[in-house]
Amino acid sequence: MRKREKLTPEERFALALDLVKRERSLEEICLHYQVSHTTAYKIRNAFLDGGRRALAGARGRAQAAESDAKAVLGKALG
């Protein structure tokens, strides 16, 4: 696949929505945005994770932030 510049936030959002809606195939979406399947899934997963955190409310966001901090610290020390 041809290397391209990074996607704008608007393009990332649109790509994630395209994947969630399932109106086009993964192949069509990847060709349209010129990204690999792996990149498309990473963007979709980040989008869904953000939605999960937003719906969890303040308590869920605090727990998620604590979990993220532990993961980063674990990588730095390990």
N, C-alpha and C. Protein backbone atom coordinates (compact mmCIF):
# COMPACT_ATOMS: atom_id res chain seq x y z
N MET A 1 0.83 -1.17 0.00
CA MET A 1 0.00 0.00 0.00
C MET A 1 0.88 1.24 0.00
N ARG A 2 0.47 2.24 -0.73
CA ARG A 2 1.23 3.48 -0.84
C ARG A 2 1.24 4.24 0.49
N LYS A 3 2.40 4.73 0.86
CA LYS A 3 2.51 5.51 2.08
C LYS A 3 1.91 6.90 1.85
N ARG A 4 1.17 7.40 2.79
CA ARG A 4 0.54 8.71 2.67
C ARG A 4 0.78 9.52 3.93
N GLU A 5 0.42 10.77 3.87
CA GLU A 5 0.52 11.62 5.04
C GLU A 5 -0.46 11.11 6.10
N LYS A 6 -0.27 11.54 7.32
CA LYS A 6 -1.17 11.12 8.39
C LYS A 6 -2.58 11.61 8.13
N LEU A 7 -3.54 10.83 8.61
CA LEU A 7 -4.94 11.23 8.48
C LEU A 7 -5.24 12.38 9.43
N THR A 8 -6.11 13.27 9.01
CA THR A 8 -6.55 14.35 9.89
C THR A 8 -7.50 13.75 10.93
N PRO A 9 -7.74 14.45 12.02
CA PRO A 9 -8.71 13.95 13.00
C PRO A 9 -10.09 13.70 12.38
N GLU A 10 -10.49 14.55 11.46
CA GLU A 10 -11.78 14.38 10.80
C GLU A 10 -11.80 13.10 9.96
N GLU A 11 -10.69 12.81 9.28
CA GLU A 11 -10.60 11.59 8.48
C GLU A 11 -10.60 10.35 9.37
N ARG A 12 -9.90 10.43 10.50
CA ARG A 12 -9.88 9.31 11.43
C ARG A 12 -11.28 9.03 11.96
N PHE A 13 -12.00 10.09 12.30
CA PHE A 13 -13.37 9.95 12.80
C PHE A 13 -14.27 9.32 11.73
N ALA A 14 -14.15 9.81 10.51
CA ALA A 14 -14.97 9.29 9.41
C ALA A 14 -14.63 7.82 9.13
N LEU A 15 -13.35 7.48 9.16
CA LEU A 15 -12.94 6.09 8.94
C LEU A 15 -13.53 5.19 10.02
N ALA A 16 -13.44 5.60 11.27
CA ALA A 16 -13.99 4.80 12.37
C ALA A 16 -15.49 4.62 12.21
N LEU A 17 -16.18 5.67 11.86
CA LEU A 17 -17.63 5.56 11.65
C LEU A 17 -17.96 4.63 10.49
N ASP A 18 -17.20 4.71 9.42
CA ASP A 18 -17.40 3.81 8.29
C ASP A 18 -17.27 2.35 8.72
N LEU A 19 -16.26 2.07 9.55
CA LEU A 19 -16.07 0.69 10.01
C LEU A 19 -17.19 0.24 10.93
N VAL A 20 -17.65 1.13 11.79
CA VAL A 20 -18.72 0.78 12.72
C VAL A 20 -20.04 0.57 11.99
N LYS A 21 -20.32 1.40 11.00
CA LYS A 21 -21.58 1.30 10.25
C LYS A 21 -21.67 0.03 9.41
N ARG A 22 -20.53 -0.44 8.91
CA ARG A 22 -20.46 -1.66 8.08
C ARG A 22 -21.27 -1.54 6.78
N GLU A 23 -21.32 -0.36 6.21
CA GLU A 23 -22.01 -0.17 4.93
C GLU A 23 -21.10 -0.48 3.75
N ARG A 24 -19.77 -0.44 4.00
CA ARG A 24 -18.78 -0.79 2.98
C ARG A 24 -17.85 -1.83 3.57
N SER A 25 -17.18 -2.55 2.70
CA SER A 25 -16.25 -3.57 3.18
C SER A 25 -14.98 -2.92 3.74
N LEU A 26 -14.27 -3.69 4.54
CA LEU A 26 -13.00 -3.21 5.09
C LEU A 26 -12.05 -2.84 3.96
N GLU A 27 -12.02 -3.66 2.92
CA GLU A 27 -11.14 -3.40 1.78
C GLU A 27 -11.46 -2.05 1.13
N GLU A 28 -12.75 -1.77 0.92
CA GLU A 28 -13.16 -0.51 0.30
C GLU A 28 -12.77 0.69 1.17
N ILE A 29 -12.97 0.55 2.46
CA ILE A 29 -12.63 1.64 3.39
C ILE A 29 -11.13 1.89 3.39
N CYS A 30 -10.34 0.81 3.45
CA CYS A 30 -8.88 0.95 3.45
C CYS A 30 -8.38 1.60 2.16
N LEU A 31 -8.95 1.22 1.04
CA LEU A 31 -8.55 1.82 -0.23
C LEU A 31 -8.93 3.30 -0.28
N HIS A 32 -10.11 3.61 0.22
CA HIS A 32 -10.57 5.01 0.20
C HIS A 32 -9.65 5.92 1.03
N TYR A 33 -9.28 5.47 2.23
CA TYR A 33 -8.45 6.29 3.12
C TYR A 33 -6.96 6.01 2.95
N GLN A 34 -6.61 5.05 2.10
CA GLN A 34 -5.23 4.68 1.83
C GLN A 34 -4.48 4.28 3.10
N VAL A 35 -5.09 3.36 3.86
CA VAL A 35 -4.47 2.85 5.09
C VAL A 35 -4.51 1.33 5.05
N SER A 36 -3.70 0.71 5.87
CA SER A 36 -3.69 -0.75 5.97
C SER A 36 -4.85 -1.21 6.85
N HIS A 37 -5.12 -2.51 6.80
CA HIS A 37 -6.17 -3.08 7.65
C HIS A 37 -5.82 -2.86 9.12
N THR A 38 -4.54 -3.03 9.46
CA THR A 38 -4.09 -2.86 10.84
C THR A 38 -4.35 -1.44 11.33
N THR A 39 -4.01 -0.46 10.50
CA THR A 39 -4.23 0.93 10.88
C THR A 39 -5.71 1.22 11.04
N ALA A 40 -6.52 0.71 10.14
CA ALA A 40 -7.97 0.93 10.21
C ALA A 40 -8.52 0.38 11.52
N TYR A 41 -8.10 -0.83 11.88
CA TYR A 41 -8.59 -1.43 13.12
C TYR A 41 -8.08 -0.69 14.35
N LYS A 42 -6.85 -0.19 14.31
CA LYS A 42 -6.33 0.60 15.44
C LYS A 42 -7.15 1.86 15.65
N ILE A 43 -7.50 2.53 14.54
CA ILE A 43 -8.31 3.75 14.63
C ILE A 43 -9.70 3.41 15.17
N ARG A 44 -10.29 2.32 14.66
CA ARG A 44 -11.61 1.92 15.14
C ARG A 44 -11.58 1.60 16.63
N ASN A 45 -10.56 0.86 17.07
CA ASN A 45 -10.47 0.48 18.48
C ASN A 45 -10.28 1.70 19.38
N ALA A 46 -9.48 2.67 18.95
CA ALA A 46 -9.30 3.89 19.73
C ALA A 46 -10.62 4.67 19.82
N PHE A 47 -11.35 4.71 18.73
CA PHE A 47 -12.65 5.37 18.68
C PHE A 47 -13.62 4.71 19.66
N LEU A 48 -13.71 3.39 19.63
CA LEU A 48 -14.62 2.68 20.51
C LEU A 48 -14.20 2.80 21.97
N ASP A 49 -12.89 2.80 22.23
CA ASP A 49 -12.40 2.95 23.60
C ASP A 49 -12.76 4.32 24.15
N GLY A 50 -12.63 5.35 23.32
CA GLY A 50 -13.02 6.70 23.75
C GLY A 50 -14.50 6.78 24.06
N GLY A 51 -15.31 6.12 23.26
CA GLY A 51 -16.75 6.09 23.52
C GLY A 51 -17.07 5.37 24.81
N ARG A 52 -16.39 4.26 25.06
CA ARG A 52 -16.58 3.51 26.30
C ARG A 52 -16.26 4.37 27.50
N ARG A 53 -15.16 5.08 27.42
CA ARG A 53 -14.75 5.94 28.54
C ARG A 53 -15.74 7.08 28.76
N ALA A 54 -16.21 7.65 27.68
CA ALA A 54 -17.17 8.76 27.81
C ALA A 54 -18.46 8.28 28.46
N LEU A 55 -18.91 7.09 28.11
CA LEU A 55 -20.14 6.56 28.67
C LEU A 55 -19.98 6.07 30.11
N ALA A 56 -18.75 5.79 30.51
CA ALA A 56 -18.50 5.31 31.86
C ALA A 56 -18.64 6.43 32.89
N GLY A 57 -18.57 7.67 32.46
CA GLY A 57 -18.68 8.80 33.38
C GLY A 57 -17.37 9.08 34.08
N ALA A 58 -17.42 9.96 35.05
CA ALA A 58 -16.22 10.42 35.74
C ALA A 58 -15.52 9.27 36.45
N ARG A 59 -16.28 8.40 37.08
CA ARG A 59 -15.69 7.28 37.81
C ARG A 59 -14.93 6.34 36.87
N GLY A 60 -15.56 6.03 35.73
CA GLY A 60 -14.93 5.17 34.76
C GLY A 60 -13.68 5.79 34.15
N ARG A 61 -13.73 7.10 33.90
CA ARG A 61 -12.56 7.79 33.34
C ARG A 61 -11.40 7.78 34.32
N ALA A 62 -11.70 7.96 35.62
CA ALA A 62 -10.64 7.95 36.62
C ALA A 62 -9.99 6.58 36.70
N GLN A 63 -10.82 5.52 36.66
CA GLN A 63 -10.28 4.16 36.70
C GLN A 63 -9.46 3.87 35.44
N ALA A 64 -9.93 4.33 34.29
CA ALA A 64 -9.22 4.10 33.04
C ALA A 64 -7.89 4.85 33.05
N ALA A 65 -7.88 6.07 33.56
CA ALA A 65 -6.64 6.85 33.62
C ALA A 65 -5.63 6.17 34.54
N GLU A 66 -6.11 5.64 35.66
CA GLU A 66 -5.23 4.93 36.58
C GLU A 66 -4.65 3.67 35.93
N SER A 67 -5.48 2.96 35.21
CA SER A 67 -5.04 1.75 34.51
C SER A 67 -4.01 2.10 33.43
N ASP A 68 -4.26 3.19 32.69
CA ASP A 68 -3.32 3.63 31.66
C ASP A 68 -1.98 4.01 32.28
N ALA A 69 -2.02 4.71 33.41
CA ALA A 69 -0.79 5.13 34.08
C ALA A 69 0.02 3.92 34.53
N LYS A 70 -0.66 2.91 35.06
CA LYS A 70 0.03 1.70 35.50
C LYS A 70 0.67 0.98 34.30
N ALA A 71 -0.03 0.95 33.18
CA ALA A 71 0.50 0.29 31.99
C ALA A 71 1.76 0.99 31.49
N VAL A 72 1.72 2.32 31.46
CA VAL A 72 2.87 3.10 31.00
C VAL A 72 4.04 2.91 31.96
N LEU A 73 3.76 2.95 33.25
CA LEU A 73 4.81 2.77 34.24
C LEU A 73 5.41 1.37 34.13
N GLY A 74 4.56 0.38 33.94
CA GLY A 74 5.04 -0.99 33.79
C GLY A 74 5.96 -1.16 32.60
N LYS A 75 5.63 -0.50 31.49
CA LYS A 75 6.48 -0.57 30.29
C LYS A 75 7.81 0.13 30.54
N ALA A 76 7.76 1.25 31.25
CA ALA A 76 8.98 2.03 31.50
C ALA A 76 9.92 1.27 32.43
N LEU A 77 9.35 0.56 33.39
CA LEU A 77 10.19 -0.16 34.35
C LEU A 77 10.59 -1.55 33.87
N GLY A 78 9.77 -2.11 32.95
CA GLY A 78 10.01 -3.50 32.53
C GLY A 78 10.91 -3.60 31.41
